[in-house]
Amino acid sequence: MAVWSTNGAGGTAVMDIVKLCLCIVGMALLALGTEQQQGVLLSHALPAGFRRMLQCMGAFIVLQGMLQLGLWHGWPLGLVYFSGQTSVAAGAVYLMLIAARGRRSRARSRHCAPRTFRI
């Protein structure tokens, strides 16, 4: 029941987590909408129309999170929450991209490295 208790701003902690997840999904879609990240994650660029759709969906989801925070907490405090949540979301997506790039480079080096056997 502690999760459903109200936080200091008059909202529930669960709703704040849901809105943070919205920001993370929106930021991830915005990141996936760039050619550079598509090259890292997918090894090829997606068609321009699909990239534009990912960018629009990401922007819509992030703006939806801002709207919900503004209506839930009031606009002054909601925008402060939104600023913090977008910073956390951008950091989380950035760390996921770093992890994906490291995992991909390790897999590539494992498959492409010449194998030497010593007897």
PDB file of N, CA and C in Angstrom:
ATOM      1  N   MET A   1       0.799  -1.198   0.000  1.00  0.00           N
ATOM      2  CA  MET A   1       0.000   0.000   0.000  1.00  0.00           C
ATOM      3  C   MET A   1       0.842   1.262   0.000  1.00  0.00           C
ATOM      4  N   ALA A   2       2.092   1.153   0.371  1.00  0.00           N
ATOM      5  CA  ALA A   2       2.946   2.340   0.428  1.00  0.00           C
ATOM      6  C   ALA A   2       3.176   2.923  -0.952  1.00  0.00           C
ATOM      7  N   VAL A   3       3.150   2.088  -1.987  1.00  0.00           N
ATOM      8  CA  VAL A   3       3.373   2.580  -3.342  1.00  0.00           C
ATOM      9  C   VAL A   3       2.227   3.489  -3.772  1.00  0.00           C
ATOM     10  N   TRP A   4       1.021   3.201  -3.301  1.00  0.00           N
ATOM     11  CA  TRP A   4      -0.137   3.983  -3.704  1.00  0.00           C
ATOM     12  C   TRP A   4      -0.347   5.228  -2.844  1.00  0.00           C
ATOM     13  N   SER A   5       0.480   5.406  -1.821  1.00  0.00           N
ATOM     14  CA  SER A   5       0.312   6.586  -0.982  1.00  0.00           C
ATOM     15  C   SER A   5       0.690   7.835  -1.758  1.00  0.00           C
ATOM     16  N   THR A   6       0.181   8.942  -1.332  1.00  0.00           N
ATOM     17  CA  THR A   6       0.444  10.175  -2.063  1.00  0.00           C
ATOM     18  C   THR A   6       1.825  10.705  -1.705  1.00  0.00           C
ATOM     19  N   ASN A   7       2.466  11.307  -2.698  1.00  0.00           N
ATOM     20  CA  ASN A   7       3.754  11.939  -2.425  1.00  0.00           C
ATOM     21  C   ASN A   7       3.512  13.382  -1.989  1.00  0.00           C
ATOM     22  N   GLY A   8       4.570  14.111  -1.772  1.00  0.00           N
ATOM     23  CA  GLY A   8       4.445  15.463  -1.247  1.00  0.00           C
ATOM     24  C   GLY A   8       3.746  16.432  -2.174  1.00  0.00           C
ATOM     25  N   ALA A   9       3.670  16.137  -3.476  1.00  0.00           N
ATOM     26  CA  ALA A   9       3.068  17.061  -4.426  1.00  0.00           C
ATOM     27  C   ALA A   9       1.576  16.819  -4.609  1.00  0.00           C
ATOM     28  N   GLY A  10       1.002  15.865  -3.871  1.00  0.00           N
ATOM     29  CA  GLY A  10      -0.414  15.618  -3.988  1.00  0.00           C
ATOM     30  C   GLY A  10      -0.776  14.581  -5.025  1.00  0.00           C
ATOM     31  N   GLY A  11       0.197  13.987  -5.692  1.00  0.00           N
ATOM     32  CA  GLY A  11      -0.057  12.950  -6.676  1.00  0.00           C
ATOM     33  C   GLY A  11       0.381  11.606  -6.145  1.00  0.00           C
ATOM     34  N   THR A  12       0.184  10.583  -6.919  1.00  0.00           N
ATOM     35  CA  THR A  12       0.634   9.270  -6.474  1.00  0.00           C
ATOM     36  C   THR A  12       1.983   8.957  -7.085  1.00  0.00           C
ATOM     37  N   ALA A  13       2.739   8.167  -6.354  1.00  0.00           N
ATOM     38  CA  ALA A  13       4.070   7.793  -6.838  1.00  0.00           C
ATOM     39  C   ALA A  13       3.966   6.913  -8.075  1.00  0.00           C
ATOM     40  N   VAL A  14       2.910   6.110  -8.154  1.00  0.00           N
ATOM     41  CA  VAL A  14       2.732   5.241  -9.311  1.00  0.00           C
ATOM     42  C   VAL A  14       2.521   6.071 -10.574  1.00  0.00           C
ATOM     43  N   MET A  15       1.743   7.116 -10.494  1.00  0.00           N
ATOM     44  CA  MET A  15       1.510   7.955 -11.664  1.00  0.00           C
ATOM     45  C   MET A  15       2.794   8.639 -12.116  1.00  0.00           C
ATOM     46  N   ASP A  16       3.631   9.021 -11.165  1.00  0.00           N
ATOM     47  CA  ASP A  16       4.915   9.615 -11.539  1.00  0.00           C
ATOM     48  C   ASP A  16       5.803   8.598 -12.246  1.00  0.00           C
ATOM     49  N   ILE A  17       5.774   7.354 -11.819  1.00  0.00           N
ATOM     50  CA  ILE A  17       6.568   6.309 -12.469  1.00  0.00           C
ATOM     51  C   ILE A  17       6.043   6.045 -13.877  1.00  0.00           C
ATOM     52  N   VAL A  18       4.716   6.047 -14.028  1.00  0.00           N
ATOM     53  CA  VAL A  18       4.126   5.844 -15.353  1.00  0.00           C
ATOM     54  C   VAL A  18       4.536   6.981 -16.291  1.00  0.00           C
ATOM     55  N   LYS A  19       4.520   8.182 -15.797  1.00  0.00           N
ATOM     56  CA  LYS A  19       4.911   9.326 -16.631  1.00  0.00           C
ATOM     57  C   LYS A  19       6.404   9.311 -16.943  1.00  0.00           C
ATOM     58  N   LEU A  20       7.218   8.827 -16.012  1.00  0.00           N
ATOM     59  CA  LEU A  20       8.643   8.667 -16.292  1.00  0.00           C
ATOM     60  C   LEU A  20       8.850   7.615 -17.381  1.00  0.00           C
ATOM     61  N   CYS A  21       8.093   6.527 -17.324  1.00  0.00           N
ATOM     62  CA  CYS A  21       8.192   5.500 -18.372  1.00  0.00           C
ATOM     63  C   CYS A  21       7.764   6.057 -19.727  1.00  0.00           C
ATOM     64  N   LEU A  22       6.751   6.928 -19.737  1.00  0.00           N
ATOM     65  CA  LEU A  22       6.357   7.588 -20.988  1.00  0.00           C
ATOM     66  C   LEU A  22       7.519   8.404 -21.553  1.00  0.00           C
ATOM     67  N   CYS A  23       8.195   9.141 -20.686  1.00  0.00           N
ATOM     68  CA  CYS A  23       9.334   9.945 -21.142  1.00  0.00           C
ATOM     69  C   CYS A  23      10.459   9.069 -21.666  1.00  0.00           C
ATOM     70  N   ILE A  24      10.716   7.941 -21.005  1.00  0.00           N
ATOM     71  CA  ILE A  24      11.786   7.045 -21.458  1.00  0.00           C
ATOM     72  C   ILE A  24      11.447   6.467 -22.826  1.00  0.00           C
ATOM     73  N   VAL A  25      10.203   6.030 -23.012  1.00  0.00           N
ATOM     74  CA  VAL A  25       9.792   5.481 -24.313  1.00  0.00           C
ATOM     75  C   VAL A  25       9.880   6.554 -25.396  1.00  0.00           C
ATOM     76  N   GLY A  26       9.427   7.758 -25.086  1.00  0.00           N
ATOM     77  CA  GLY A  26       9.498   8.846 -26.059  1.00  0.00           C
ATOM     78  C   GLY A  26      10.925   9.187 -26.438  1.00  0.00           C
ATOM     79  N   MET A  27      11.805   9.264 -25.451  1.00  0.00           N
ATOM     80  CA  MET A  27      13.219   9.552 -25.740  1.00  0.00           C
ATOM     81  C   MET A  27      13.862   8.422 -26.542  1.00  0.00           C
ATOM     82  N   ALA A  28      13.493   7.176 -26.240  1.00  0.00           N
ATOM     83  CA  ALA A  28      14.044   6.053 -26.996  1.00  0.00           C
ATOM     84  C   ALA A  28      13.587   6.105 -28.448  1.00  0.00           C
ATOM     85  N   LEU A  29      12.338   6.456 -28.691  1.00  0.00           N
ATOM     86  CA  LEU A  29      11.861   6.589 -30.069  1.00  0.00           C
ATOM     87  C   LEU A  29      12.550   7.737 -30.785  1.00  0.00           C
ATOM     88  N   LEU A  30      12.777   8.850 -30.081  1.00  0.00           N
ATOM     89  CA  LEU A  30      13.501   9.962 -30.696  1.00  0.00           C
ATOM     90  C   LEU A  30      14.929   9.556 -31.043  1.00  0.00           C
ATOM     91  N   ALA A  31      15.568   8.794 -30.163  1.00  0.00           N
ATOM     92  CA  ALA A  31      16.932   8.343 -30.444  1.00  0.00           C
ATOM     93  C   ALA A  31      16.950   7.365 -31.610  1.00  0.00           C
ATOM     94  N   LEU A  32      15.965   6.469 -31.654  1.00  0.00           N
ATOM     95  CA  LEU A  32      15.920   5.497 -32.747  1.00  0.00           C
ATOM     96  C   LEU A  32      15.570   6.161 -34.073  1.00  0.00           C
ATOM     97  N   GLY A  33      15.029   7.357 -34.020  1.00  0.00           N
ATOM     98  CA  GLY A  33      14.705   8.093 -35.233  1.00  0.00           C
ATOM     99  C   GLY A  33      15.898   8.764 -35.887  1.00  0.00           C
ATOM    100  N   THR A  34      17.093   8.623 -35.324  1.00  0.00           N
ATOM    101  CA  THR A  34      18.290   9.213 -35.934  1.00  0.00           C
ATOM    102  C   THR A  34      19.073   8.154 -36.693  1.00  0.00           C
ATOM    103  N   GLU A  35      19.667   8.554 -37.796  1.00  0.00           N
ATOM    104  CA  GLU A  35      20.410   7.611 -38.633  1.00  0.00           C
ATOM    105  C   GLU A  35      21.597   7.006 -37.894  1.00  0.00           C
ATOM    106  N   GLN A  36      22.276   7.792 -37.089  1.00  0.00           N
ATOM    107  CA  GLN A  36      23.462   7.293 -36.395  1.00  0.00           C
ATOM    108  C   GLN A  36      23.105   6.129 -35.470  1.00  0.00           C
ATOM    109  N   GLN A  37      22.041   6.277 -34.682  1.00  0.00           N
ATOM    110  CA  GLN A  37      21.666   5.211 -33.757  1.00  0.00           C
ATOM    111  C   GLN A  37      21.110   4.004 -34.499  1.00  0.00           C
ATOM    112  N   GLN A  38      20.473   4.222 -35.627  1.00  0.00           N
ATOM    113  CA  GLN A  38      20.002   3.091 -36.426  1.00  0.00           C
ATOM    114  C   GLN A  38      21.183   2.290 -36.951  1.00  0.00           C
ATOM    115  N   GLY A  39      22.242   2.989 -37.347  1.00  0.00           N
ATOM    116  CA  GLY A  39      23.442   2.285 -37.798  1.00  0.00           C
ATOM    117  C   GLY A  39      24.072   1.475 -36.680  1.00  0.00           C
ATOM    118  N   VAL A  40      24.052   2.001 -35.468  1.00  0.00           N
ATOM    119  CA  VAL A  40      24.634   1.289 -34.326  1.00  0.00           C
ATOM    120  C   VAL A  40      23.772   0.094 -33.945  1.00  0.00           C
ATOM    121  N   LEU A  41      22.470   0.306 -33.857  1.00  0.00           N
ATOM    122  CA  LEU A  41      21.581  -0.745 -33.357  1.00  0.00           C
ATOM    123  C   LEU A  41      21.142  -1.731 -34.428  1.00  0.00           C
ATOM    124  N   LEU A  42      20.913  -1.257 -35.653  1.00  0.00           N
ATOM    125  CA  LEU A  42      20.338  -2.101 -36.695  1.00  0.00           C
ATOM    126  C   LEU A  42      21.296  -2.419 -37.840  1.00  0.00           C
ATOM    127  N   SER A  43      22.444  -1.794 -37.884  1.00  0.00           N
ATOM    128  CA  SER A  43      23.456  -1.948 -38.944  1.00  0.00           C
ATOM    129  C   SER A  43      23.025  -1.348 -40.283  1.00  0.00           C
ATOM    130  N   HIS A  44      21.895  -0.701 -40.333  1.00  0.00           N
ATOM    131  CA  HIS A  44      21.460  -0.027 -41.555  1.00  0.00           C
ATOM    132  C   HIS A  44      20.471   1.079 -41.166  1.00  0.00           C
ATOM    133  N   ALA A  45      20.301   2.010 -42.083  1.00  0.00           N
ATOM    134  CA  ALA A  45      19.365   3.112 -41.834  1.00  0.00           C
ATOM    135  C   ALA A  45      17.976   2.719 -42.319  1.00  0.00           C
ATOM    136  N   LEU A  46      16.981   3.113 -41.582  1.00  0.00           N
ATOM    137  CA  LEU A  46      15.597   2.864 -41.965  1.00  0.00           C
ATOM    138  C   LEU A  46      15.172   3.877 -43.022  1.00  0.00           C
ATOM    139  N   PRO A  47      14.113   3.584 -43.764  1.00  0.00           N
ATOM    140  CA  PRO A  47      13.622   4.561 -44.750  1.00  0.00           C
ATOM    141  C   PRO A  47      13.235   5.884 -44.083  1.00  0.00           C
ATOM    142  N   ALA A  48      13.338   6.954 -44.852  1.00  0.00           N
ATOM    143  CA  ALA A  48      13.106   8.294 -44.311  1.00  0.00           C
ATOM    144  C   ALA A  48      11.701   8.444 -43.738  1.00  0.00           C
ATOM    145  N   GLY A  49      10.696   7.869 -44.370  1.00  0.00           N
ATOM    146  CA  GLY A  49       9.331   7.972 -43.866  1.00  0.00           C
ATOM    147  C   GLY A  49       9.167   7.291 -42.516  1.00  0.00           C
ATOM    148  N   PHE A  50       9.816   6.154 -42.348  1.00  0.00           N
ATOM    149  CA  PHE A  50       9.736   5.430 -41.085  1.00  0.00           C
ATOM    150  C   PHE A  50      10.484   6.187 -39.993  1.00  0.00           C
ATOM    151  N   ARG A  51      11.634   6.784 -40.357  1.00  0.00           N
ATOM    152  CA  ARG A  51      12.379   7.604 -39.394  1.00  0.00           C
ATOM    153  C   ARG A  51      11.534   8.781 -38.929  1.00  0.00           C
ATOM    154  N   ARG A  52      10.870   9.439 -39.858  1.00  0.00           N
ATOM    155  CA  ARG A  52      10.030  10.586 -39.518  1.00  0.00           C
ATOM    156  C   ARG A  52       8.884  10.149 -38.595  1.00  0.00           C
ATOM    157  N   MET A  53       8.319   8.957 -38.858  1.00  0.00           N
ATOM    158  CA  MET A  53       7.242   8.455 -38.010  1.00  0.00           C
ATOM    159  C   MET A  53       7.753   8.178 -36.589  1.00  0.00           C
ATOM    160  N   LEU A  54       8.951   7.606 -36.459  1.00  0.00           N
ATOM    161  CA  LEU A  54       9.525   7.365 -35.135  1.00  0.00           C
ATOM    162  C   LEU A  54       9.749   8.674 -34.392  1.00  0.00           C
ATOM    163  N   GLN A  55      10.250   9.677 -35.097  1.00  0.00           N
ATOM    164  CA  GLN A  55      10.491  10.972 -34.471  1.00  0.00           C
ATOM    165  C   GLN A  55       9.185  11.632 -34.029  1.00  0.00           C
ATOM    166  N   CYS A  56       8.160  11.564 -34.866  1.00  0.00           N
ATOM    167  CA  CYS A  56       6.864  12.161 -34.498  1.00  0.00           C
ATOM    168  C   CYS A  56       6.232  11.428 -33.329  1.00  0.00           C
ATOM    169  N   MET A  57       6.302  10.101 -33.327  1.00  0.00           N
ATOM    170  CA  MET A  57       5.752   9.333 -32.212  1.00  0.00           C
ATOM    171  C   MET A  57       6.493   9.655 -30.920  1.00  0.00           C
ATOM    172  N   GLY A  58       7.825   9.739 -30.980  1.00  0.00           N
ATOM    173  CA  GLY A  58       8.611  10.073 -29.793  1.00  0.00           C
ATOM    174  C   GLY A  58       8.272  11.450 -29.258  1.00  0.00           C
ATOM    175  N   ALA A  59       8.170  12.436 -30.152  1.00  0.00           N
ATOM    176  CA  ALA A  59       7.829  13.788 -29.722  1.00  0.00           C
ATOM    177  C   ALA A  59       6.420  13.827 -29.129  1.00  0.00           C
ATOM    178  N   PHE A  60       5.476  13.108 -29.747  1.00  0.00           N
ATOM    179  CA  PHE A  60       4.113  13.078 -29.232  1.00  0.00           C
ATOM    180  C   PHE A  60       4.059  12.468 -27.838  1.00  0.00           C
ATOM    181  N   ILE A  61       4.792  11.379 -27.626  1.00  0.00           N
ATOM    182  CA  ILE A  61       4.771  10.717 -26.315  1.00  0.00           C
ATOM    183  C   ILE A  61       5.413  11.606 -25.245  1.00  0.00           C
ATOM    184  N   VAL A  62       6.513  12.260 -25.572  1.00  0.00           N
ATOM    185  CA  VAL A  62       7.162  13.156 -24.600  1.00  0.00           C
ATOM    186  C   VAL A  62       6.238  14.339 -24.278  1.00  0.00           C
ATOM    187  N   LEU A  63       5.597  14.910 -25.291  1.00  0.00           N
ATOM    188  CA  LEU A  63       4.668  16.018 -25.047  1.00  0.00           C
ATOM    189  C   LEU A  63       3.440  15.554 -24.269  1.00  0.00           C
ATOM    190  N   GLN A  64       3.007  14.323 -24.509  1.00  0.00           N
ATOM    191  CA  GLN A  64       1.886  13.779 -23.739  1.00  0.00           C
ATOM    192  C   GLN A  64       2.271  13.661 -22.261  1.00  0.00           C
ATOM    193  N   GLY A  65       3.496  13.236 -21.999  1.00  0.00           N
ATOM    194  CA  GLY A  65       3.972  13.189 -20.620  1.00  0.00           C
ATOM    195  C   GLY A  65       4.001  14.567 -19.983  1.00  0.00           C
ATOM    196  N   MET A  66       4.425  15.582 -20.755  1.00  0.00           N
ATOM    197  CA  MET A  66       4.443  16.950 -20.230  1.00  0.00           C
ATOM    198  C   MET A  66       3.028  17.424 -19.921  1.00  0.00           C
ATOM    199  N   LEU A  67       2.099  17.134 -20.816  1.00  0.00           N
ATOM    200  CA  LEU A  67       0.717  17.530 -20.598  1.00  0.00           C
ATOM    201  C   LEU A  67       0.140  16.865 -19.353  1.00  0.00           C
ATOM    202  N   GLN A  68       0.386  15.571 -19.198  1.00  0.00           N
ATOM    203  CA  GLN A  68      -0.134  14.870 -18.032  1.00  0.00           C
ATOM    204  C   GLN A  68       0.483  15.386 -16.737  1.00  0.00           C
ATOM    205  N   LEU A  69       1.783  15.650 -16.746  1.00  0.00           N
ATOM    206  CA  LEU A  69       2.416  16.197 -15.542  1.00  0.00           C
ATOM    207  C   LEU A  69       1.887  17.586 -15.220  1.00  0.00           C
ATOM    208  N   GLY A  70       1.686  18.409 -16.253  1.00  0.00           N
ATOM    209  CA  GLY A  70       1.156  19.744 -16.025  1.00  0.00           C
ATOM    210  C   GLY A  70      -0.253  19.719 -15.469  1.00  0.00           C
ATOM    211  N   LEU A  71      -1.068  18.818 -15.966  1.00  0.00           N
ATOM    212  CA  LEU A  71      -2.442  18.725 -15.470  1.00  0.00           C
ATOM    213  C   LEU A  71      -2.505  18.059 -14.102  1.00  0.00           C
ATOM    214  N   TRP A  72      -1.588  17.145 -13.835  1.00  0.00           N
ATOM    215  CA  TRP A  72      -1.615  16.407 -12.570  1.00  0.00           C
ATOM    216  C   TRP A  72      -1.106  17.247 -11.404  1.00  0.00           C
ATOM    217  N   HIS A  73       0.013  17.941 -11.623  1.00  0.00           N
ATOM    218  CA  HIS A  73       0.661  18.676 -10.534  1.00  0.00           C
ATOM    219  C   HIS A  73       0.427  20.184 -10.604  1.00  0.00           C
ATOM    220  N   GLY A  74      -0.232  20.670 -11.636  1.00  0.00           N
ATOM    221  CA  GLY A  74      -0.309  22.112 -11.870  1.00  0.00           C
ATOM    222  C   GLY A  74       0.880  22.500 -12.748  1.00  0.00           C
ATOM    223  N   TRP A  75       0.718  23.520 -13.568  1.00  0.00           N
ATOM    224  CA  TRP A  75       1.743  23.818 -14.566  1.00  0.00           C
ATOM    225  C   TRP A  75       3.101  24.211 -13.994  1.00  0.00           C
ATOM    226  N   PRO A  76       3.190  25.045 -12.982  1.00  0.00           N
ATOM    227  CA  PRO A  76       4.541  25.393 -12.493  1.00  0.00           C
ATOM    228  C   PRO A  76       5.306  24.172 -11.977  1.00  0.00           C
ATOM    229  N   LEU A  77       4.690  23.408 -11.088  1.00  0.00           N
ATOM    230  CA  LEU A  77       5.362  22.239 -10.537  1.00  0.00           C
ATOM    231  C   LEU A  77       5.452  21.116 -11.567  1.00  0.00           C
ATOM    232  N   GLY A  78       4.445  20.993 -12.431  1.00  0.00           N
ATOM    233  CA  GLY A  78       4.460  19.960 -13.466  1.00  0.00           C
ATOM    234  C   GLY A  78       5.615  20.139 -14.435  1.00  0.00           C
ATOM    235  N   LEU A  79       5.925  21.385 -14.789  1.00  0.00           N
ATOM    236  CA  LEU A  79       7.055  21.631 -15.690  1.00  0.00           C
ATOM    237  C   LEU A  79       8.393  21.341 -15.010  1.00  0.00           C
ATOM    238  N   VAL A  80       8.461  21.563 -13.703  1.00  0.00           N
ATOM    239  CA  VAL A  80       9.672  21.202 -12.959  1.00  0.00           C
ATOM    240  C   VAL A  80       9.838  19.685 -12.959  1.00  0.00           C
ATOM    241  N   TYR A  81       8.740  18.973 -12.688  1.00  0.00           N
ATOM    242  CA  TYR A  81       8.776  17.508 -12.746  1.00  0.00           C
ATOM    243  C   TYR A  81       9.170  17.036 -14.141  1.00  0.00           C
ATOM    244  N   PHE A  82       8.587  17.664 -15.167  1.00  0.00           N
ATOM    245  CA  PHE A  82       8.876  17.282 -16.551  1.00  0.00           C
ATOM    246  C   PHE A  82      10.348  17.471 -16.876  1.00  0.00           C
ATOM    247  N   SER A  83      10.928  18.571 -16.417  1.00  0.00           N
ATOM    248  CA  SER A  83      12.347  18.822 -16.652  1.00  0.00           C
ATOM    249  C   SER A  83      13.205  17.730 -16.019  1.00  0.00           C
ATOM    250  N   GLY A  84      12.886  17.363 -14.802  1.00  0.00           N
ATOM    251  CA  GLY A  84      13.637  16.305 -14.139  1.00  0.00           C
ATOM    252  C   GLY A  84      13.441  14.957 -14.800  1.00  0.00           C
ATOM    253  N   GLN A  85      12.201  14.656 -15.198  1.00  0.00           N
ATOM    254  CA  GLN A  85      11.940  13.353 -15.791  1.00  0.00           C
ATOM    255  C   GLN A  85      12.548  13.221 -17.178  1.00  0.00           C
ATOM    256  N   THR A  86      12.570  14.300 -17.957  1.00  0.00           N
ATOM    257  CA  THR A  86      13.218  14.204 -19.266  1.00  0.00           C
ATOM    258  C   THR A  86      14.729  14.055 -19.107  1.00  0.00           C
ATOM    259  N   SER A  87      15.301  14.670 -18.089  1.00  0.00           N
ATOM    260  CA  SER A  87      16.736  14.486 -17.845  1.00  0.00           C
ATOM    261  C   SER A  87      17.052  13.042 -17.464  1.00  0.00           C
ATOM    262  N   VAL A  88      16.244  12.468 -16.584  1.00  0.00           N
ATOM    263  CA  VAL A  88      16.441  11.069 -16.197  1.00  0.00           C
ATOM    264  C   VAL A  88      16.208  10.149 -17.385  1.00  0.00           C
ATOM    265  N   ALA A  89      15.170  10.427 -18.177  1.00  0.00           N
ATOM    266  CA  ALA A  89      14.863   9.594 -19.340  1.00  0.00           C
ATOM    267  C   ALA A  89      15.977   9.666 -20.377  1.00  0.00           C
ATOM    268  N   ALA A  90      16.482  10.866 -20.636  1.00  0.00           N
ATOM    269  CA  ALA A  90      17.571  11.001 -21.607  1.00  0.00           C
ATOM    270  C   ALA A  90      18.826  10.279 -21.123  1.00  0.00           C
ATOM    271  N   GLY A  91      19.123  10.379 -19.833  1.00  0.00           N
ATOM    272  CA  GLY A  91      20.270   9.656 -19.282  1.00  0.00           C
ATOM    273  C   GLY A  91      20.101   8.153 -19.379  1.00  0.00           C
ATOM    274  N   ALA A  92      18.893   7.650 -19.105  1.00  0.00           N
ATOM    275  CA  ALA A  92      18.640   6.209 -19.186  1.00  0.00           C
ATOM    276  C   ALA A  92      18.779   5.714 -20.624  1.00  0.00           C
ATOM    277  N   VAL A  93      18.234   6.459 -21.577  1.00  0.00           N
ATOM    278  CA  VAL A  93      18.348   6.060 -22.988  1.00  0.00           C
ATOM    279  C   VAL A  93      19.801   6.120 -23.431  1.00  0.00           C
ATOM    280  N   TYR A  94      20.521   7.132 -22.998  1.00  0.00           N
ATOM    281  CA  TYR A  94      21.941   7.251 -23.357  1.00  0.00           C
ATOM    282  C   TYR A  94      22.737   6.062 -22.823  1.00  0.00           C
ATOM    283  N   LEU A  95      22.482   5.668 -21.581  1.00  0.00           N
ATOM    284  CA  LEU A  95      23.179   4.502 -21.019  1.00  0.00           C
ATOM    285  C   LEU A  95      22.810   3.226 -21.761  1.00  0.00           C
ATOM    286  N   MET A  96      21.548   3.092 -22.174  1.00  0.00           N
ATOM    287  CA  MET A  96      21.147   1.913 -22.949  1.00  0.00           C
ATOM    288  C   MET A  96      21.845   1.888 -24.308  1.00  0.00           C
ATOM    289  N   LEU A  97      22.002   3.051 -24.931  1.00  0.00           N
ATOM    290  CA  LEU A  97      22.700   3.104 -26.218  1.00  0.00           C
ATOM    291  C   LEU A  97      24.177   2.766 -26.055  1.00  0.00           C
ATOM    292  N   ILE A  98      24.803   3.223 -24.986  1.00  0.00           N
ATOM    293  CA  ILE A  98      26.202   2.883 -24.725  1.00  0.00           C
ATOM    294  C   ILE A  98      26.339   1.379 -24.526  1.00  0.00           C
ATOM    295  N   ALA A  99      25.422   0.783 -23.768  1.00  0.00           N
ATOM    296  CA  ALA A  99      25.468  -0.659 -23.538  1.00  0.00           C
ATOM    297  C   ALA A  99      25.256  -1.430 -24.838  1.00  0.00           C
ATOM    298  N   ALA A 100      24.329  -0.971 -25.665  1.00  0.00           N
ATOM    299  CA  ALA A 100      24.076  -1.649 -26.938  1.00  0.00           C
ATOM    300  C   ALA A 100      25.286  -1.541 -27.862  1.00  0.00           C
ATOM    301  N   ARG A 101      25.923  -0.383 -27.882  1.00  0.00           N
ATOM    302  CA  ARG A 101      27.104  -0.207 -28.733  1.00  0.00           C
ATOM    303  C   ARG A 101      28.249  -1.091 -28.245  1.00  0.00           C
ATOM    304  N   GLY A 102      28.449  -1.164 -26.939  1.00  0.00           N
ATOM    305  CA  GLY A 102      29.503  -2.021 -26.394  1.00  0.00           C
ATOM    306  C   GLY A 102      29.242  -3.490 -26.659  1.00  0.00           C
ATOM    307  N   ARG A 103      27.990  -3.916 -26.496  1.00  0.00           N
ATOM    308  CA  ARG A 103      27.651  -5.306 -26.749  1.00  0.00           C
ATOM    309  C   ARG A 103      27.838  -5.638 -28.226  1.00  0.00           C
ATOM    310  N   ARG A 104      27.457  -4.719 -29.098  1.00  0.00           N
ATOM    311  CA  ARG A 104      27.593  -4.955 -30.543  1.00  0.00           C
ATOM    312  C   ARG A 104      29.062  -4.997 -30.954  1.00  0.00           C
ATOM    313  N   SER A 105      29.883  -4.115 -30.392  1.00  0.00           N
ATOM    314  CA  SER A 105      31.308  -4.113 -30.768  1.00  0.00           C
ATOM    315  C   SER A 105      32.010  -5.359 -30.231  1.00  0.00           C
ATOM    316  N   ARG A 106      31.617  -5.844 -29.048  1.00  0.00           N
ATOM    317  CA  ARG A 106      32.194  -7.094 -28.535  1.00  0.00           C
ATOM    318  C   ARG A 106      31.797  -8.277 -29.401  1.00  0.00           C
ATOM    319  N   ALA A 107      30.552  -8.298 -29.845  1.00  0.00           N
ATOM    320  CA  ALA A 107      30.097  -9.397 -30.700  1.00  0.00           C
ATOM    321  C   ALA A 107      30.813  -9.345 -32.049  1.00  0.00           C
ATOM    322  N   ARG A 108      31.011  -8.159 -32.583  1.00  0.00           N
ATOM    323  CA  ARG A 108      31.690  -8.019 -33.866  1.00  0.00           C
ATOM    324  C   ARG A 108      33.155  -8.440 -33.745  1.00  0.00           C
ATOM    325  N   SER A 109      33.816  -8.036 -32.676  1.00  0.00           N
ATOM    326  CA  SER A 109      35.226  -8.397 -32.514  1.00  0.00           C
ATOM    327  C   SER A 109      35.376  -9.894 -32.250  1.00  0.00           C
ATOM    328  N   ARG A 110      34.405 -10.499 -31.618  1.00  0.00           N
ATOM    329  CA  ARG A 110      34.471 -11.931 -31.351  1.00  0.00           C
ATOM    330  C   ARG A 110      34.333 -12.729 -32.639  1.00  0.00           C
ATOM    331  N   HIS A 111      33.484 -12.264 -33.562  1.00  0.00           N
ATOM    332  CA  HIS A 111      33.250 -13.001 -34.793  1.00  0.00           C
ATOM    333  C   HIS A 111      34.276 -12.679 -35.875  1.00  0.00           C
ATOM    334  N   CYS A 112      34.910 -11.529 -35.825  1.00  0.00           N
ATOM    335  CA  CYS A 112      35.819 -11.113 -36.883  1.00  0.00           C
ATOM    336  C   CYS A 112      37.288 -11.318 -36.532  1.00  0.00           C
ATOM    337  N   ALA A 113      37.594 -11.562 -35.299  1.00  0.00           N
ATOM    338  CA  ALA A 113      38.996 -11.683 -34.890  1.00  0.00           C
ATOM    339  C   ALA A 113      39.563 -13.001 -35.410  1.00  0.00           C
ATOM    340  N   PRO A 114      40.801 -12.975 -35.921  1.00  0.00           N
ATOM    341  CA  PRO A 114      41.420 -14.220 -36.360  1.00  0.00           C
ATOM    342  C   PRO A 114      41.678 -15.127 -35.178  1.00  0.00           C
ATOM    343  N   ARG A 115      41.470 -16.374 -35.396  1.00  0.00           N
ATOM    344  CA  ARG A 115      41.645 -17.336 -34.329  1.00  0.00           C
ATOM    345  C   ARG A 115      43.006 -18.001 -34.476  1.00  0.00           C
ATOM    346  N   THR A 116      43.746 -18.026 -33.416  1.00  0.00           N
ATOM    347  CA  THR A 116      45.044 -18.697 -33.412  1.00  0.00           C
ATOM    348  C   THR A 116      44.994 -19.802 -32.377  1.00  0.00           C
ATOM    349  N   PHE A 117      45.547 -20.922 -32.746  1.00  0.00           N
ATOM    350  CA  PHE A 117      45.566 -22.060 -31.829  1.00  0.00           C
ATOM    351  C   PHE A 117      47.011 -22.398 -31.523  1.00  0.00           C
ATOM    352  N   ARG A 118      47.286 -22.595 -30.283  1.00  0.00           N
ATOM    353  CA  ARG A 118      48.635 -22.990 -29.883  1.00  0.00           C
ATOM    354  C   ARG A 118      48.599 -24.421 -29.389  1.00  0.00           C
ATOM    355  N   ILE A 119      49.608 -25.137 -29.770  1.00  0.00           N
ATOM    356  CA  ILE A 119      49.690 -26.525 -29.330  1.00  0.00           C
ATOM    357  C   ILE A 119      50.848 -26.692 -28.389  1.00  0.00           C
TER     358      ILE A 119
END
